[in-house]
Amino acid sequence: MEFELNEVQTIFKHLVHDFVVKEVKPRAKETDEKAEFNWPAVRKMGPLGLLGLEVPEEYGGSGVDAISVAIAIEELGWGCGSTALAIAAHNGLALGPIVNFGTRDQKQKWLPPLATGQGRLACLGLTEPGAGSDLQGGIRTVAVKEGDSWIIDGNKMWLTNASISDVMVLLVRTDRTGGSRSLSQIIVPTDSDGISIGPAEKKMGLKGSPTHAVTFEEVQVPLENLLGEEGRGLQQTLTTLDGGRVGIGALAVGLAQAAYEEALKYAQERETFGKAIAQHQAIQWMLADAATEIQAARWMVYWAAWLRGQGKPYTKAAAMAKLFATEVSERVCRNAIQVHGGYGYSSEFAVERFYRDTRLMTIGEGTSEIQRLIITRSLLSGK
């Protein structure tokens, strides 16, 4: 593959960028300070296809290619980390499983309103108080068959979009004997009786992307809400997370790009010892490293996305892209504050927000340590 965007991808990039410049970036500071989701911008995303990036056109989505998905998330991340995270989770983590594993009836029922902006968003429920990286052994939320229904009991946490979603895709235990075929995914409307959504978590960053603990007490949904094959929930989730890691990598690149641009601009304006600090070698090296590493991270994300779009194995590539891009972003955002000096530590300057926002990127969708484990397993198995 030659790393050059085709005409359609280039036009799409400009379209999304212009939208972000107008509707997302100007509200980013307010979104963070007020911890309020940017509904005004999101309401306008449906007609642009940003709420159904990978949803086929027949179900109301835009059905763009995998690289275009990464482009969209990167541009959103450049504009506002909070908004980007919510939209990435909606598209990749929630709609992704329905697109990939849902029946035709499920797709016809759930996708059109979610992809077009007629309703709210969607979310994925994985993490529990005792289950982070250890999904297979740690999931305690159970779903039991009673007549023609599933009865769900348990607790989830760190559920991005819970309070702004119409639909949850839940990973639950459907077989108490354990093993790799003991988990399943079930589609659950958020207005179902027995669902209690806790207050938004108070986080270091990404404050405009609401995250919640959710309790399920005898929540009843039809058996037909089983997503995919019973007992294949773990496998479906791992597939979903591979795609999600490409998305987080793209989001991290967007944050890094925004921080780099602010640092470059400030370095040319701020003067010390009679000249702009951009003329000092220490600053020049930080800017050079940032530009180089962002470009490398971007191409790694595009490569993983391309493999995914071609239907080729991409688990290792996704883990590498996510690992590198998120660690680059944290380094670039940190150095952007350093370039700003004392001003960088002030919330009056955007780099302070970028650093807080990007801190989650090396944690969510699998920590950097988990990515290294995935990569090493792949290397040792020869895949």
Protein backbone atom coordinates (compact mmCIF):
# COMPACT_ATOMS: atom_id res chain seq x y z
CA MET A 1 0.00 0.00 0.00
CA GLU A 2 1.24 3.49 -0.83
CA PHE A 3 0.44 5.89 1.96
CA GLU A 4 -1.40 8.47 -0.07
CA LEU A 5 -5.05 9.28 0.46
CA ASN A 6 -7.23 8.77 -2.58
CA GLU A 7 -9.49 11.50 -3.89
CA VAL A 8 -12.55 10.37 -1.95
CA GLN A 9 -10.62 10.14 1.32
CA THR A 10 -9.06 13.56 0.73
CA ILE A 11 -12.45 15.18 0.10
CA PHE A 12 -13.86 13.44 3.17
CA LYS A 13 -10.95 14.67 5.30
CA HIS A 14 -11.55 18.27 4.24
CA LEU A 15 -15.30 17.91 4.83
CA VAL A 16 -14.83 16.63 8.39
CA HIS A 17 -12.07 19.12 9.14
CA ASP A 18 -14.22 22.06 8.07
CA PHE A 19 -17.09 20.78 10.21
CA VAL A 20 -14.83 20.39 13.24
CA VAL A 21 -13.40 23.89 12.76
CA LYS A 22 -16.89 25.34 12.74
CA GLU A 23 -18.87 23.18 15.18
CA VAL A 24 -16.51 21.30 17.49
CA LYS A 25 -13.24 23.10 18.20
CA PRO A 26 -14.81 26.45 19.21
CA ARG A 27 -16.81 24.69 21.96
CA ALA A 28 -14.03 22.43 23.22
CA LYS A 29 -12.99 24.62 26.14
CA GLU A 30 -16.58 25.09 27.28
CA THR A 31 -17.31 21.38 26.83
CA ASP A 32 -14.45 20.59 29.19
CA GLU A 33 -15.09 23.30 31.77
CA LYS A 34 -18.82 22.65 32.06
CA ALA A 35 -18.48 18.86 31.61
CA GLU A 36 -21.34 19.06 29.14
CA PHE A 37 -21.67 16.90 26.07
CA ASN A 38 -21.62 18.87 22.83
CA TRP A 39 -25.09 17.94 21.59
CA PRO A 40 -25.38 20.97 19.26
CA ALA A 41 -22.49 19.65 17.15
CA VAL A 42 -23.45 16.00 17.40
CA ARG A 43 -27.00 16.72 16.21
CA LYS A 44 -25.45 17.97 12.98
CA MET A 45 -23.25 14.90 12.48
CA GLY A 46 -25.99 12.58 11.26
CA PRO A 47 -26.41 14.19 7.81
CA LEU A 48 -22.60 14.13 7.37
CA GLY A 49 -22.46 10.39 8.09
CA LEU A 50 -20.32 10.80 11.21
CA LEU A 51 -22.77 8.86 13.40
CA GLY A 52 -22.77 5.84 11.12
CA LEU A 53 -19.25 5.74 9.74
CA GLU A 54 -19.16 1.98 9.17
CA VAL A 55 -22.91 1.44 8.91
CA PRO A 56 -23.95 0.41 5.38
CA GLU A 57 -25.94 2.99 3.45
CA GLU A 58 -29.00 0.71 3.38
CA TYR A 59 -29.22 1.16 7.17
CA GLY A 60 -28.73 4.91 7.14
CA GLY A 61 -24.96 5.09 7.51
CA SER A 62 -22.21 6.43 5.30
CA GLY A 63 -20.35 3.13 5.02
CA VAL A 64 -16.95 4.74 4.52
CA ASP A 65 -13.72 2.75 4.31
CA ALA A 66 -11.61 1.98 7.37
CA ILE A 67 -9.01 4.66 6.66
CA SER A 68 -11.75 7.28 6.36
CA VAL A 69 -13.05 6.19 9.76
CA ALA A 70 -9.59 6.84 11.22
CA ILE A 71 -9.46 10.19 9.44
CA ALA A 72 -12.80 11.23 10.95
CA ILE A 73 -11.82 10.27 14.49
CA GLU A 74 -8.45 12.00 14.16
CA GLU A 75 -10.09 15.21 12.99
CA LEU A 76 -12.60 15.08 15.83
CA GLY A 77 -9.76 14.44 18.29
CA TRP A 78 -7.94 17.48 16.91
CA GLY A 79 -11.03 19.53 17.68
CA CYS A 80 -12.18 18.11 21.02
CA GLY A 81 -11.05 14.98 22.81
CA SER A 82 -14.33 14.59 24.70
CA THR A 83 -16.50 14.73 21.60
CA ALA A 84 -14.15 12.47 19.68
CA LEU A 85 -14.16 9.81 22.37
CA ALA A 86 -17.95 9.70 22.54
CA ILE A 87 -18.31 9.46 18.77
CA ALA A 88 -15.55 6.85 18.48
CA ALA A 89 -17.21 4.71 21.16
CA HIS A 90 -20.60 5.09 19.50
CA ASN A 91 -19.34 4.08 16.07
CA GLY A 92 -16.71 1.46 16.77
CA LEU A 93 -17.60 -0.11 20.10
CA ALA A 94 -21.40 -0.03 19.95
CA LEU A 95 -22.55 0.08 16.33
CA GLY A 96 -19.58 -2.02 15.21
CA PRO A 97 -20.83 -5.23 16.88
CA ILE A 98 -24.35 -4.71 15.50
CA VAL A 99 -22.97 -4.19 11.99
CA ASN A 100 -20.61 -7.17 12.23
CA PHE A 101 -22.67 -9.70 14.16
CA GLY A 102 -26.30 -8.55 14.05
CA THR A 103 -29.09 -10.21 12.10
CA ARG A 104 -30.77 -8.32 9.29
CA ASP A 105 -33.76 -7.67 11.54
CA GLN A 106 -31.53 -6.30 14.30
CA LYS A 107 -29.74 -4.02 11.86
CA GLN A 108 -33.01 -2.72 10.44
CA LYS A 109 -34.34 -2.05 13.92
CA TRP A 110 -31.37 -0.46 15.66
CA LEU A 111 -29.01 1.05 13.11
CA PRO A 112 -31.06 3.65 11.16
CA PRO A 113 -31.98 5.91 14.10
CA LEU A 114 -28.53 5.59 15.66
CA ALA A 115 -26.67 6.27 12.41
CA THR A 116 -28.76 9.21 11.27
CA GLY A 117 -29.03 11.11 14.53
CA GLN A 118 -32.76 10.57 14.93
CA GLY A 119 -32.16 9.35 18.47
CA ARG A 120 -29.24 9.55 20.84
CA LEU A 121 -26.02 7.47 20.78
CA ALA A 122 -25.06 3.90 21.64
CA CYS A 123 -22.53 2.41 24.04
CA LEU A 124 -20.68 -0.80 24.90
CA GLY A 125 -20.65 -2.25 28.42
CA LEU A 126 -17.61 -4.39 29.24
CA THR A 127 -15.72 -3.29 32.33
CA GLU A 128 -16.90 -4.28 35.79
CA PRO A 129 -15.53 -3.63 39.29
CA GLY A 130 -13.61 -6.90 39.06
CA ALA A 131 -13.14 -7.14 35.29
CA GLY A 132 -10.88 -4.82 33.34
CA SER A 133 -8.36 -6.57 31.14
CA ASP A 134 -9.53 -9.98 32.41
CA LEU A 135 -12.87 -10.18 30.63
CA GLN A 136 -13.08 -13.95 30.39
CA GLY A 137 -12.63 -14.60 34.08
CA GLY A 138 -13.86 -11.34 35.57
CA ILE A 139 -17.33 -10.79 34.10
CA ARG A 140 -20.01 -11.27 36.78
CA THR A 141 -23.01 -9.68 35.08
CA VAL A 142 -25.29 -12.58 34.16
CA ALA A 143 -28.13 -13.12 31.71
CA VAL A 144 -30.53 -16.00 32.37
CA LYS A 145 -33.23 -17.28 30.04
CA GLU A 146 -36.78 -17.11 31.37
CA GLY A 147 -39.43 -17.95 28.82
CA ASP A 148 -38.90 -15.72 25.82
CA SER A 149 -36.68 -13.24 27.67
CA TRP A 150 -33.21 -12.67 29.06
CA ILE A 151 -33.07 -11.53 32.69
CA ILE A 152 -29.92 -9.51 33.35
CA ASP A 153 -28.37 -8.78 36.75
CA GLY A 154 -25.03 -7.19 37.53
CA ASN A 155 -22.88 -4.08 37.45
CA LYS A 156 -20.82 -2.30 34.84
CA MET A 157 -18.46 0.65 35.22
CA TRP A 158 -16.58 3.12 33.03
CA LEU A 159 -19.41 2.94 30.54
CA THR A 160 -18.77 5.73 28.04
CA ASN A 161 -21.97 7.36 26.72
CA ALA A 162 -24.30 5.53 29.12
CA SER A 163 -26.37 8.61 29.96
CA ILE A 164 -26.57 9.86 26.36
CA SER A 165 -27.37 6.54 24.69
CA ASP A 166 -30.54 4.80 23.59
CA VAL A 167 -28.90 1.39 23.32
CA MET A 168 -26.27 -0.61 25.18
CA VAL A 169 -24.39 -3.62 23.86
CA LEU A 170 -23.56 -5.64 26.98
CA LEU A 171 -21.05 -8.42 27.50
CA VAL A 172 -22.72 -10.83 29.94
CA ARG A 173 -22.20 -14.32 31.30
CA THR A 174 -24.77 -16.71 29.84
CA ASP A 175 -23.06 -19.91 31.02
CA ARG A 176 -21.91 -20.10 34.63
CA THR A 177 -19.58 -23.04 33.94
CA GLY A 178 -16.96 -20.64 32.66
CA GLY A 179 -14.67 -21.08 29.69
CA SER A 180 -14.25 -19.19 26.45
CA ARG A 181 -17.85 -19.87 25.40
CA SER A 182 -19.52 -18.67 28.57
CA LEU A 183 -20.01 -15.04 27.50
CA SER A 184 -22.46 -13.44 25.08
CA GLN A 185 -23.39 -10.00 23.83
CA ILE A 186 -26.95 -8.70 24.23
CA ILE A 187 -28.55 -5.50 22.95
CA VAL A 188 -30.28 -3.63 25.80
CA PRO A 189 -32.32 -0.41 25.46
CA THR A 190 -31.19 2.10 28.08
CA ASP A 191 -34.78 2.87 29.11
CA SER A 192 -35.40 -0.74 30.18
CA ASP A 193 -36.84 -1.22 33.68
CA GLY A 194 -34.19 -2.14 36.23
CA ILE A 195 -31.35 -0.08 34.76
CA SER A 196 -29.80 2.48 37.10
CA ILE A 197 -27.20 4.83 35.63
CA GLY A 198 -24.97 6.44 38.24
CA PRO A 199 -23.75 10.05 38.16
CA ALA A 200 -21.02 10.94 35.68
CA GLU A 201 -17.56 10.07 36.95
CA LYS A 202 -15.34 13.00 37.89
CA LYS A 203 -12.35 12.52 35.66
CA MET A 204 -8.97 14.12 35.07
CA GLY A 205 -9.82 14.90 31.46
CA LEU A 206 -12.36 14.20 28.70
CA LYS A 207 -14.94 15.74 30.98
CA GLY A 208 -17.42 16.36 28.19
CA SER A 209 -17.61 12.63 27.45
CA PRO A 210 -19.84 11.20 30.20
CA THR A 211 -18.72 7.96 31.84
CA HIS A 212 -20.87 6.04 34.31
CA ALA A 213 -21.32 3.04 36.55
CA VAL A 214 -24.50 1.16 35.62
CA THR A 215 -26.51 -1.35 37.69
CA PHE A 216 -28.82 -3.98 36.22
CA GLU A 217 -31.52 -5.48 38.44
CA GLU A 218 -33.73 -8.08 36.75
CA VAL A 219 -33.59 -6.23 33.46
CA GLN A 220 -35.77 -8.05 30.95
CA VAL A 221 -35.14 -8.02 27.19
CA PRO A 222 -36.34 -10.38 24.43
CA LEU A 223 -34.27 -13.43 23.52
CA GLU A 224 -34.03 -11.99 20.03
CA ASN A 225 -31.76 -9.27 21.43
CA LEU A 226 -28.90 -11.77 21.59
CA LEU A 227 -26.20 -10.32 19.35
CA GLY A 228 -24.39 -12.87 17.26
CA GLU A 229 -24.02 -16.41 18.52
CA GLU A 230 -24.62 -17.38 22.14
CA GLY A 231 -21.31 -18.16 23.80
CA ARG A 232 -19.29 -16.14 21.28
CA GLY A 233 -19.40 -12.88 23.20
CA LEU A 234 -15.72 -12.90 24.17
CA GLN A 235 -14.58 -13.52 20.62
CA GLN A 236 -16.92 -10.84 19.29
CA THR A 237 -15.67 -8.40 21.91
CA LEU A 238 -12.01 -9.02 21.09
CA THR A 239 -12.74 -8.40 17.42
CA THR A 240 -14.52 -5.18 18.36
CA LEU A 241 -11.62 -4.04 20.53
CA ASP A 242 -9.15 -4.51 17.67
CA GLY A 243 -11.12 -1.97 15.66
CA GLY A 244 -11.52 0.25 18.70
CA ARG A 245 -7.77 0.40 19.16
CA VAL A 246 -7.35 1.81 15.68
CA GLY A 247 -9.90 4.44 16.65
CA ILE A 248 -8.13 5.35 19.89
CA GLY A 249 -4.85 5.55 18.01
CA ALA A 250 -6.44 7.97 15.56
CA LEU A 251 -7.92 10.05 18.39
CA ALA A 252 -4.51 10.23 20.05
CA VAL A 253 -2.94 11.43 16.80
CA GLY A 254 -5.57 14.17 16.61
CA LEU A 255 -4.81 15.35 20.13
CA ALA A 256 -1.08 15.28 19.44
CA GLN A 257 -1.53 17.26 16.23
CA ALA A 258 -3.52 19.92 18.06
CA ALA A 259 -0.90 20.19 20.81
CA TYR A 260 1.94 20.38 18.29
CA GLU A 261 0.22 23.16 16.36
CA GLU A 262 -0.26 25.18 19.53
CA ALA A 263 3.37 24.66 20.54
CA LEU A 264 4.64 25.62 17.08
CA LYS A 265 2.57 28.80 17.05
CA TYR A 266 3.55 29.81 20.58
CA ALA A 267 7.25 29.13 19.94
CA GLN A 268 7.21 31.61 17.05
CA GLU A 269 5.44 34.29 19.09
CA ARG A 270 7.13 34.05 22.49
CA GLU A 271 10.48 35.83 22.82
CA THR A 272 13.28 35.29 25.32
CA PHE A 273 16.82 36.66 25.29
CA GLY A 274 15.91 38.85 22.34
CA LYS A 275 14.57 36.23 19.95
CA ALA A 276 11.62 33.87 19.46
CA ILE A 277 12.00 30.69 21.50
CA ALA A 278 11.59 28.76 18.23
CA GLN A 279 15.18 29.87 17.55
CA HIS A 280 16.46 28.01 20.61
CA GLN A 281 17.76 24.54 19.87
CA ALA A 282 16.04 22.92 22.87
CA ILE A 283 12.65 24.06 21.57
CA GLN A 284 13.52 23.16 17.98
CA TRP A 285 14.29 19.59 18.95
CA MET A 286 10.96 19.18 20.75
CA LEU A 287 9.10 20.50 17.71
CA ALA A 288 11.08 18.29 15.33
CA ASP A 289 10.48 15.20 17.43
CA ALA A 290 6.77 15.98 17.67
CA ALA A 291 6.32 16.44 13.92
CA THR A 292 8.26 13.26 13.17
CA GLU A 293 6.54 11.05 15.71
CA ILE A 294 3.06 12.29 14.84
CA GLN A 295 3.64 11.47 11.18
CA ALA A 296 4.92 7.99 12.06
CA ALA A 297 1.97 7.39 14.39
CA ARG A 298 -0.51 8.54 11.75
CA TRP A 299 0.87 6.13 9.16
CA MET A 300 0.82 3.27 11.67
CA VAL A 301 -2.86 3.99 12.35
CA TYR A 302 -3.60 4.15 8.62
CA TRP A 303 -1.73 0.89 8.04
CA ALA A 304 -3.75 -0.94 10.68
CA ALA A 305 -6.93 0.58 9.26
CA TRP A 306 -5.97 -0.48 5.73
CA LEU A 307 -5.35 -4.06 6.85
CA ARG A 308 -8.72 -4.06 8.56
CA GLY A 309 -10.45 -2.72 5.48
CA GLN A 310 -8.83 -5.40 3.34
CA GLY A 311 -10.07 -8.15 5.64
CA LYS A 312 -6.50 -9.09 6.55
CA PRO A 313 -5.33 -10.01 10.08
CA TYR A 314 -4.62 -6.75 11.92
CA THR A 315 -4.62 -7.51 15.64
CA LYS A 316 -0.87 -6.96 15.96
CA ALA A 317 -0.92 -3.87 13.74
CA ALA A 318 -3.79 -2.38 15.74
CA ALA A 319 -1.98 -3.01 19.03
CA MET A 320 1.23 -1.48 17.65
CA ALA A 321 -0.61 1.56 16.30
CA LYS A 322 -2.50 2.10 19.52
CA LEU A 323 0.62 1.65 21.67
CA PHE A 324 2.80 3.97 19.62
CA ALA A 325 0.22 6.66 18.85
CA THR A 326 -1.00 7.00 22.43
CA GLU A 327 2.49 7.16 23.91
CA VAL A 328 3.55 9.65 21.25
CA SER A 329 0.49 11.77 22.04
CA GLU A 330 1.27 11.86 25.72
CA ARG A 331 4.86 12.86 24.98
CA VAL A 332 3.88 15.54 22.47
CA CYS A 333 1.21 17.01 24.77
CA ARG A 334 3.64 17.04 27.67
CA ASN A 335 6.28 18.83 25.61
CA ALA A 336 3.71 21.31 24.30
CA ILE A 337 3.20 22.38 27.90
CA GLN A 338 6.97 22.60 28.33
CA VAL A 339 7.24 24.87 25.29
CA HIS A 340 4.59 27.14 26.83
CA GLY A 341 6.46 27.23 30.13
CA GLY A 342 4.33 28.47 33.05
CA TYR A 343 1.51 29.42 30.72
CA GLY A 344 1.21 25.78 29.65
CA TYR A 345 0.13 24.89 33.17
CA SER A 346 -2.75 27.36 33.00
CA SER A 347 -6.21 26.30 31.87
CA GLU A 348 -6.29 29.49 29.78
CA PHE A 349 -4.11 27.66 27.27
CA ALA A 350 -5.44 24.64 25.37
CA VAL A 351 -2.32 22.51 25.85
CA GLU A 352 -3.27 21.97 29.48
CA ARG A 353 -6.54 20.35 28.35
CA PHE A 354 -4.84 18.29 25.65
CA TYR A 355 -2.50 16.75 28.20
CA ARG A 356 -5.34 15.84 30.54
CA ASP A 357 -7.38 14.40 27.69
CA THR A 358 -4.63 12.31 26.18
CA ARG A 359 -3.74 10.71 29.53
CA LEU A 360 -6.60 8.23 29.10
CA MET A 361 -5.39 7.05 25.70
CA THR A 362 -2.69 4.76 27.11
CA ILE A 363 -5.28 3.24 29.48
CA GLY A 364 -8.58 2.85 27.62
CA GLU A 365 -9.10 0.09 25.04
CA GLY A 366 -6.36 -1.88 26.76
CA THR A 367 -3.41 -0.32 28.55
CA SER A 368 0.00 0.07 26.95
CA GLU A 369 1.09 -2.94 28.96
CA ILE A 370 -1.72 -5.05 27.47
CA GLN A 371 -0.80 -3.85 23.96
CA ARG A 372 2.76 -5.01 24.51
CA LEU A 373 1.44 -8.38 25.66
CA ILE A 374 -0.69 -8.70 22.53
CA ILE A 375 2.23 -7.74 20.30
CA THR A 376 4.62 -10.17 21.99
CA ARG A 377 2.15 -13.06 21.77
CA SER A 378 1.78 -12.33 18.08
CA LEU A 379 5.53 -12.26 17.57
CA LEU A 380 6.10 -15.50 19.45
CA SER A 381 3.33 -17.28 17.55
CA GLY A 382 4.74 -16.14 14.23
CA LYS A 383 1.58 -14.26 13.26
